[in-house]
Protein backbone atom coordinates (compact mmCIF):
# COMPACT_ATOMS: atom_id res chain seq x y z
CA MET A 1 -6.10 -53.13 -10.94
CA ASP A 2 -2.44 -52.42 -10.10
CA GLU A 3 -1.26 -55.20 -12.41
CA ILE A 4 -2.75 -53.47 -15.46
CA GLU A 5 -0.20 -51.18 -17.13
CA HIS A 6 -1.05 -47.90 -18.85
CA ASN A 7 0.77 -46.61 -21.91
CA TYR A 8 0.24 -44.24 -24.81
CA VAL A 9 0.57 -44.94 -28.51
CA GLU A 10 1.00 -42.17 -31.08
CA VAL A 11 -1.29 -42.91 -34.00
CA ASN A 12 -2.78 -40.71 -36.71
CA GLY A 13 -1.59 -37.57 -34.97
CA LEU A 14 -3.21 -38.51 -31.65
CA LYS A 15 -1.87 -39.94 -28.39
CA LEU A 16 -4.17 -42.84 -27.56
CA HIS A 17 -4.26 -44.45 -24.13
CA VAL A 18 -3.79 -48.22 -24.01
CA ALA A 19 -4.33 -50.40 -20.94
CA GLU A 20 -2.43 -53.68 -21.06
CA ILE A 21 -1.70 -56.82 -19.07
CA GLY A 22 0.11 -60.04 -19.98
CA SER A 23 3.32 -61.16 -21.62
CA GLU A 24 4.37 -59.55 -24.91
CA SER A 25 5.10 -63.03 -26.27
CA SER A 26 1.54 -64.26 -25.66
CA PRO A 27 -1.36 -64.30 -28.17
CA VAL A 28 -3.05 -60.91 -28.18
CA VAL A 29 -6.67 -60.07 -27.37
CA VAL A 30 -7.81 -56.49 -28.03
CA PHE A 31 -10.94 -55.27 -26.25
CA LEU A 32 -12.96 -52.41 -27.76
CA HIS A 33 -15.39 -50.52 -25.54
CA GLY A 34 -18.75 -48.88 -26.21
CA PHE A 35 -20.47 -45.73 -24.89
CA PRO A 36 -20.12 -44.38 -22.25
CA GLU A 37 -17.47 -46.93 -21.43
CA ILE A 38 -13.69 -46.74 -21.41
CA TRP A 39 -10.98 -49.41 -21.13
CA TYR A 40 -12.11 -49.92 -17.50
CA SER A 41 -15.30 -51.71 -18.59
CA TRP A 42 -13.08 -54.67 -19.61
CA ARG A 43 -11.21 -54.85 -16.30
CA HIS A 44 -12.61 -58.28 -15.36
CA GLN A 45 -11.95 -59.80 -18.78
CA MET A 46 -8.43 -58.39 -19.12
CA ILE A 47 -7.25 -59.95 -15.88
CA ALA A 48 -8.93 -63.28 -16.68
CA VAL A 49 -7.42 -63.70 -20.15
CA ALA A 50 -3.98 -62.60 -18.93
CA LYS A 51 -4.08 -65.24 -16.19
CA ALA A 52 -4.95 -67.79 -18.89
CA GLY A 53 -1.82 -66.94 -20.89
CA PHE A 54 -2.98 -64.21 -23.24
CA ARG A 55 -1.93 -60.59 -23.63
CA ALA A 56 -4.90 -58.27 -23.08
CA ILE A 57 -4.98 -54.78 -24.58
CA ALA A 58 -7.82 -52.27 -24.17
CA PRO A 59 -7.46 -48.86 -25.81
CA ASP A 60 -9.54 -45.82 -25.03
CA CYS A 61 -11.17 -44.72 -28.27
CA ARG A 62 -10.15 -41.27 -29.55
CA GLY A 63 -11.75 -38.65 -27.35
CA TYR A 64 -12.58 -41.16 -24.61
CA GLY A 65 -10.89 -41.61 -21.25
CA LEU A 66 -7.21 -40.70 -21.40
CA SER A 67 -6.96 -40.66 -25.20
CA ASP A 68 -6.56 -37.41 -27.09
CA PRO A 69 -9.63 -36.03 -28.83
CA PRO A 70 -9.17 -35.18 -32.50
CA PRO A 71 -8.53 -31.45 -33.03
CA GLN A 72 -11.80 -31.17 -34.99
CA PRO A 73 -14.15 -33.81 -33.54
CA GLU A 74 -16.94 -32.86 -35.94
CA LYS A 75 -14.78 -34.05 -38.85
CA THR A 76 -14.33 -37.56 -37.42
CA VAL A 77 -15.69 -40.42 -39.55
CA PHE A 78 -16.26 -44.01 -38.51
CA LEU A 79 -13.40 -45.31 -40.65
CA ASP A 80 -11.00 -43.24 -38.51
CA LEU A 81 -11.66 -45.75 -35.72
CA ILE A 82 -10.66 -48.60 -38.04
CA SER A 83 -7.51 -46.70 -38.95
CA ASP A 84 -6.74 -46.10 -35.26
CA LEU A 85 -7.02 -49.80 -34.42
CA LEU A 86 -4.81 -50.81 -37.35
CA ALA A 87 -2.23 -48.20 -36.36
CA ILE A 88 -2.20 -49.43 -32.74
CA LEU A 89 -1.55 -53.00 -33.89
CA ASP A 90 1.26 -51.83 -36.19
CA ALA A 91 2.81 -49.61 -33.52
CA LEU A 92 2.87 -52.54 -31.08
CA ASN A 93 4.17 -54.97 -33.75
CA ILE A 94 1.10 -57.19 -33.49
CA SER A 95 0.56 -59.14 -36.69
CA LYS A 96 -2.55 -61.07 -35.72
CA VAL A 97 -5.11 -60.59 -33.00
CA PHE A 98 -8.32 -61.75 -31.38
CA LEU A 99 -10.88 -58.95 -31.16
CA VAL A 100 -13.59 -58.52 -28.52
CA GLY A 101 -16.04 -55.65 -28.95
CA LYS A 102 -19.22 -54.35 -27.35
CA ASP A 103 -21.75 -51.76 -28.48
CA PHE A 104 -20.11 -49.45 -31.04
CA GLY A 105 -16.85 -51.30 -30.32
CA ALA A 106 -18.54 -54.32 -31.90
CA SER A 107 -19.25 -52.15 -34.96
CA VAL A 108 -15.53 -51.41 -35.18
CA VAL A 109 -14.85 -55.14 -34.97
CA SER A 110 -17.29 -55.89 -37.80
CA ILE A 111 -15.74 -53.47 -40.27
CA PHE A 112 -12.15 -54.12 -39.20
CA VAL A 113 -12.63 -57.83 -39.85
CA LEU A 114 -14.09 -57.11 -43.29
CA LEU A 115 -11.20 -54.85 -44.27
CA HIS A 116 -8.34 -56.67 -42.52
CA GLN A 117 -9.43 -60.28 -42.18
CA GLU A 118 -5.84 -61.47 -42.49
CA ARG A 119 -5.01 -59.71 -39.20
CA VAL A 120 -7.79 -61.39 -37.19
CA SER A 121 -7.62 -64.86 -35.60
CA GLY A 122 -11.22 -64.65 -34.42
CA PHE A 123 -13.66 -62.24 -32.81
CA VAL A 124 -16.28 -62.00 -30.09
CA THR A 125 -19.01 -59.38 -29.96
CA LEU A 126 -21.27 -58.65 -27.01
CA GLY A 127 -24.81 -57.38 -27.46
CA MET A 128 -24.20 -56.39 -31.07
CA PRO A 129 -24.09 -58.94 -33.88
CA PHE A 130 -21.79 -58.65 -36.85
CA MET A 131 -23.29 -56.12 -39.24
CA PRO A 132 -22.27 -55.43 -42.84
CA PRO A 133 -21.85 -51.81 -43.97
CA GLN A 134 -25.30 -51.87 -45.59
CA PRO A 135 -27.40 -54.04 -43.29
CA PRO A 136 -30.88 -55.44 -44.00
CA THR A 137 -33.68 -52.92 -43.56
CA HIS A 138 -36.66 -53.44 -41.30
CA HIS A 139 -39.25 -50.70 -41.67
CA LYS A 140 -40.46 -50.06 -38.15
CA PRO A 141 -39.94 -46.48 -37.02
CA LEU A 142 -39.01 -45.37 -33.53
CA PRO A 143 -40.28 -42.04 -32.16
CA GLU A 144 -38.41 -38.75 -31.95
CA GLY A 145 -37.72 -39.30 -28.24
CA PHE A 146 -35.55 -42.35 -28.94
CA TYR A 147 -32.22 -41.58 -27.24
CA PHE A 148 -30.16 -42.30 -30.35
CA LEU A 149 -32.02 -39.64 -32.29
CA ARG A 150 -31.78 -37.13 -29.45
CA TRP A 151 -28.00 -37.52 -29.35
CA LYS A 152 -27.55 -36.98 -33.08
CA VAL A 153 -27.56 -33.64 -34.88
CA LEU A 154 -28.64 -34.56 -38.37
CA PHE A 155 -31.36 -33.86 -40.89
CA LEU A 156 -32.76 -37.29 -41.71
CA PRO A 157 -35.07 -37.78 -44.69
CA ARG A 158 -37.74 -40.40 -44.43
CA ASP A 159 -35.82 -43.31 -45.99
CA THR A 160 -32.48 -42.65 -44.30
CA GLN A 161 -30.75 -45.51 -42.52
CA ILE A 162 -28.26 -44.89 -39.72
CA TRP A 163 -25.54 -47.47 -40.13
CA ARG A 164 -23.65 -46.33 -37.03
CA PHE A 165 -25.91 -48.19 -34.64
CA GLN A 166 -27.22 -50.75 -37.16
CA LEU A 167 -30.83 -50.11 -36.47
CA TYR A 168 -31.55 -51.08 -40.11
CA GLN A 169 -34.88 -49.37 -40.03
CA GLN A 170 -36.57 -46.16 -41.03
CA ILE A 171 -35.70 -43.80 -38.21
CA THR A 172 -38.91 -41.79 -38.06
CA ASP A 173 -42.04 -41.51 -40.16
CA ARG A 174 -41.39 -37.84 -40.87
CA PHE A 175 -38.52 -35.48 -41.54
CA PHE A 176 -36.46 -35.04 -38.43
CA LEU A 177 -34.26 -32.14 -37.44
CA GLN A 178 -32.49 -32.42 -34.11
CA GLU A 179 -31.80 -29.22 -32.26
CA PRO A 180 -28.01 -28.70 -32.23
CA GLY A 181 -26.63 -28.88 -28.71
CA ARG A 182 -29.72 -30.47 -27.16
CA ALA A 183 -27.80 -33.51 -25.88
CA GLU A 184 -24.95 -31.34 -24.62
CA ALA A 185 -27.43 -29.10 -22.79
CA ASP A 186 -29.15 -32.14 -21.31
CA PHE A 187 -25.84 -33.57 -20.08
CA GLY A 188 -24.63 -30.13 -18.99
CA ARG A 189 -27.23 -29.92 -16.22
CA TYR A 190 -25.25 -32.51 -14.27
CA ASP A 191 -21.68 -33.31 -13.38
CA ALA A 192 -19.93 -36.02 -15.39
CA LYS A 193 -20.33 -38.64 -12.68
CA THR A 194 -24.12 -38.17 -12.62
CA VAL A 195 -24.35 -38.40 -16.42
CA VAL A 196 -22.49 -41.71 -16.42
CA ARG A 197 -24.62 -42.93 -13.52
CA ASN A 198 -27.82 -42.12 -15.38
CA ILE A 199 -26.68 -43.78 -18.60
CA TYR A 200 -25.55 -46.93 -16.79
CA ILE A 201 -28.91 -47.20 -15.03
CA MET A 202 -30.88 -46.41 -18.19
CA PHE A 203 -28.94 -48.80 -20.45
CA SER A 204 -29.16 -51.57 -17.84
CA ARG A 205 -32.92 -51.73 -18.25
CA SER A 206 -34.62 -54.01 -20.75
CA GLU A 207 -36.71 -51.21 -22.29
CA ILE A 208 -35.49 -49.05 -25.19
CA PRO A 209 -34.80 -45.55 -23.76
CA ILE A 210 -37.43 -43.22 -25.23
CA ALA A 211 -38.33 -39.80 -23.79
CA GLN A 212 -41.57 -37.91 -24.16
CA GLU A 213 -41.59 -34.94 -26.54
CA ASN A 214 -40.95 -32.37 -23.81
CA GLN A 215 -38.74 -34.62 -21.69
CA GLU A 216 -34.96 -34.93 -21.82
CA ILE A 217 -33.13 -38.27 -21.90
CA MET A 218 -31.40 -37.67 -18.55
CA ASP A 219 -34.85 -37.26 -16.98
CA LEU A 220 -35.64 -40.92 -17.70
CA VAL A 221 -33.69 -41.75 -14.52
CA GLU A 222 -34.94 -40.60 -11.13
CA PRO A 223 -32.21 -39.24 -8.82
CA SER A 224 -33.14 -41.81 -6.17
CA THR A 225 -32.66 -44.80 -8.50
CA PRO A 226 -29.82 -47.00 -7.20
CA LEU A 227 -26.91 -48.14 -9.33
CA PRO A 228 -27.02 -51.71 -10.66
CA SER A 229 -25.79 -54.08 -7.96
CA TRP A 230 -22.74 -55.05 -10.02
CA PHE A 231 -21.59 -51.43 -10.59
CA SER A 232 -20.08 -49.83 -7.49
CA GLU A 233 -19.57 -46.24 -6.44
CA GLU A 234 -15.85 -46.89 -6.94
CA ASP A 235 -16.53 -47.97 -10.53
CA LEU A 236 -18.63 -44.87 -11.09
CA ALA A 237 -15.89 -42.64 -9.69
CA ALA A 238 -13.38 -44.11 -12.16
CA TYR A 239 -15.62 -43.05 -15.05
CA GLY A 240 -16.58 -39.70 -13.55
CA THR A 241 -12.99 -38.61 -13.06
CA LEU A 242 -12.08 -39.25 -16.68
CA TYR A 243 -15.21 -37.66 -18.13
CA GLU A 244 -14.64 -34.56 -15.99
CA LYS A 245 -11.42 -34.26 -17.99
CA SER A 246 -12.72 -35.08 -21.46
CA GLY A 247 -16.36 -34.08 -21.40
CA PHE A 248 -18.88 -35.81 -23.64
CA GLN A 249 -18.73 -33.79 -26.85
CA THR A 250 -16.18 -35.96 -28.66
CA ALA A 251 -17.69 -39.17 -27.32
CA LEU A 252 -21.12 -38.19 -28.69
CA GLN A 253 -19.61 -37.19 -32.03
CA VAL A 254 -17.55 -40.34 -32.47
CA THR A 255 -20.33 -42.68 -31.35
CA TYR A 256 -23.55 -41.16 -32.65
CA ARG A 257 -22.81 -38.48 -35.22
CA ALA A 258 -19.82 -39.51 -37.30
CA PRO A 259 -20.59 -40.48 -40.91
CA PHE A 260 -19.15 -43.74 -42.13
CA ASP A 261 -16.55 -42.29 -44.48
CA ARG A 262 -15.37 -39.17 -46.29
CA ASN A 263 -15.02 -40.27 -49.89
CA GLY A 264 -17.53 -43.04 -50.51
CA GLU A 265 -15.27 -45.85 -49.29
CA GLN A 266 -18.33 -47.68 -47.98
CA ASP A 267 -19.33 -48.53 -51.54
CA SER A 268 -15.98 -50.22 -52.22
CA ILE A 269 -15.97 -52.56 -49.21
CA PRO A 270 -15.74 -56.15 -50.46
CA ASN A 271 -18.33 -58.89 -50.17
CA PRO A 272 -19.48 -58.60 -46.54
CA LYS A 273 -18.73 -62.17 -45.55
CA VAL A 274 -16.05 -63.25 -43.10
CA GLU A 275 -14.72 -66.76 -42.61
CA VAL A 276 -12.86 -66.34 -39.33
CA PRO A 277 -14.38 -67.98 -36.22
CA ALA A 278 -16.70 -65.80 -34.19
CA HIS A 279 -18.86 -65.71 -31.07
CA LEU A 280 -21.84 -63.52 -30.25
CA ILE A 281 -22.70 -63.19 -26.56
CA MET A 282 -26.23 -61.81 -26.33
CA GLY A 283 -27.97 -60.77 -23.15
CA GLU A 284 -31.65 -61.51 -23.63
CA LYS A 285 -32.62 -58.53 -21.46
CA ASP A 286 -30.36 -56.12 -23.33
CA TYR A 287 -32.59 -53.31 -24.62
CA VAL A 288 -30.62 -53.39 -27.89
CA PHE A 289 -32.09 -56.83 -28.58
CA LYS A 290 -35.49 -55.09 -28.84
CA MET A 291 -34.37 -52.77 -31.63
CA PRO A 292 -36.54 -53.26 -34.74
CA GLY A 293 -35.40 -56.39 -36.56
CA ARG A 294 -32.49 -57.13 -34.25
CA GLU A 295 -33.78 -60.26 -32.52
CA ASP A 296 -35.07 -61.76 -35.76
CA TYR A 297 -31.73 -61.06 -37.49
CA VAL A 298 -29.96 -63.05 -34.78
CA ARG A 299 -32.42 -65.84 -33.94
CA SER A 300 -33.34 -66.58 -37.56
CA GLY A 301 -29.69 -67.18 -38.39
CA GLU A 302 -29.60 -64.39 -40.96
CA VAL A 303 -26.44 -63.08 -39.31
CA LYS A 304 -24.74 -66.38 -40.25
CA THR A 305 -25.06 -65.55 -43.94
CA PHE A 306 -22.32 -63.01 -43.24
CA VAL A 307 -20.43 -64.98 -40.55
CA PRO A 308 -20.88 -68.71 -41.24
CA ASN A 309 -18.47 -69.71 -38.46
CA LEU A 310 -20.49 -67.95 -35.78
CA GLU A 311 -21.67 -69.43 -32.50
CA ILE A 312 -24.37 -67.54 -30.60
CA ILE A 313 -24.64 -67.76 -26.82
CA TYR A 314 -27.61 -66.28 -24.97
CA ILE A 315 -27.46 -65.12 -21.37
CA PRO A 316 -31.10 -65.05 -20.18
CA GLU A 317 -30.70 -62.35 -17.52
CA GLY A 318 -27.98 -60.46 -19.37
CA THR A 319 -28.43 -56.73 -19.94
CA HIS A 320 -26.47 -54.17 -21.96
CA PHE A 321 -23.35 -54.31 -19.76
CA VAL A 322 -23.25 -58.08 -19.58
CA GLN A 323 -19.45 -58.28 -19.22
CA GLU A 324 -19.68 -56.27 -16.00
CA GLN A 325 -22.95 -57.79 -14.83
CA PHE A 326 -21.82 -61.43 -15.19
CA PRO A 327 -18.02 -61.22 -15.43
CA ASP A 328 -17.27 -64.83 -14.49
CA GLN A 329 -19.67 -66.25 -17.06
CA VAL A 330 -18.51 -63.91 -19.81
CA ASN A 331 -14.86 -64.55 -18.94
CA GLN A 332 -15.37 -68.29 -19.30
CA LEU A 333 -17.17 -67.93 -22.63
CA ILE A 334 -14.39 -65.74 -24.01
CA LEU A 335 -11.68 -68.06 -22.71
CA ASN A 336 -13.38 -71.11 -24.20
CA PHE A 337 -13.43 -69.34 -27.54
CA LEU A 338 -9.81 -68.20 -27.35
CA LYS A 339 -8.53 -71.62 -26.32
CA GLY A 340 -10.60 -73.33 -29.00
CA HIS A 341 -9.15 -71.17 -31.76
CA GLY A 342 -5.73 -70.22 -30.45
């Protein structure tokens, strides 16, 4: 990875880490990671697109990797991530960009495209389809042990939707109060490297991670379980080192707990339809595809009511980390898209 350069960009009062490779005069592709990932999860794609004549940029989200955490993480809202991305593009004098996002990074892509469509040449999301700010609702509850609920600290009334992960469902069939600090205590039993290891193993399965009532999420992975074959001890060490520095508090807040906005901006977002070209790369064994309503939303074509110029590609054996699991295939799909719309 020696050819990838590492820089910092001052935006919104924070110093954000940006990994980069490729000529400054080339068309730009920005890669946005998910949880518990960092820029490193795009290592295969960055090198591939740079070799094909593009400039690849992968920032660490605020509070992730080498990027500064906000001084008050609990006050972070989702729109701060949109503001960070826009500020990075402006700081680097990038007027137009291709976006590639996975997991909550795909959520950032969705809303950024809605708010700043003129800055986007096209976008690719992995494992997460484009979602409008107020997605369709599918009323199938998931139990209290669902990992997403365990990692939040919110009081959720019966009809509450959580936009942040686009489950578009009722979360539980009863009032739900998560014990503050439960996720931090669960993670705190292990070193950072072990936490990342467990999440990578857990999220690489095809089943939705759900714990029993008296079981913690980290206990869903047995200590003897091997890493996925495509994720090495060296890869794990790269994550572990950075999370030893940052911890998980800000990452959990930014990803799972941040409200959408501060002042009701969600209600003023324009018609949630985008005309720019788009690709969705969906691993059919990604546990996210089993979320209530998710597969139907994609396979029925409902997603194309919001993104008419969308092409959907399924990878039959693909799991949640499909860009690391099948890097050559994903690289080729992304390159085909970039070259077709560059």
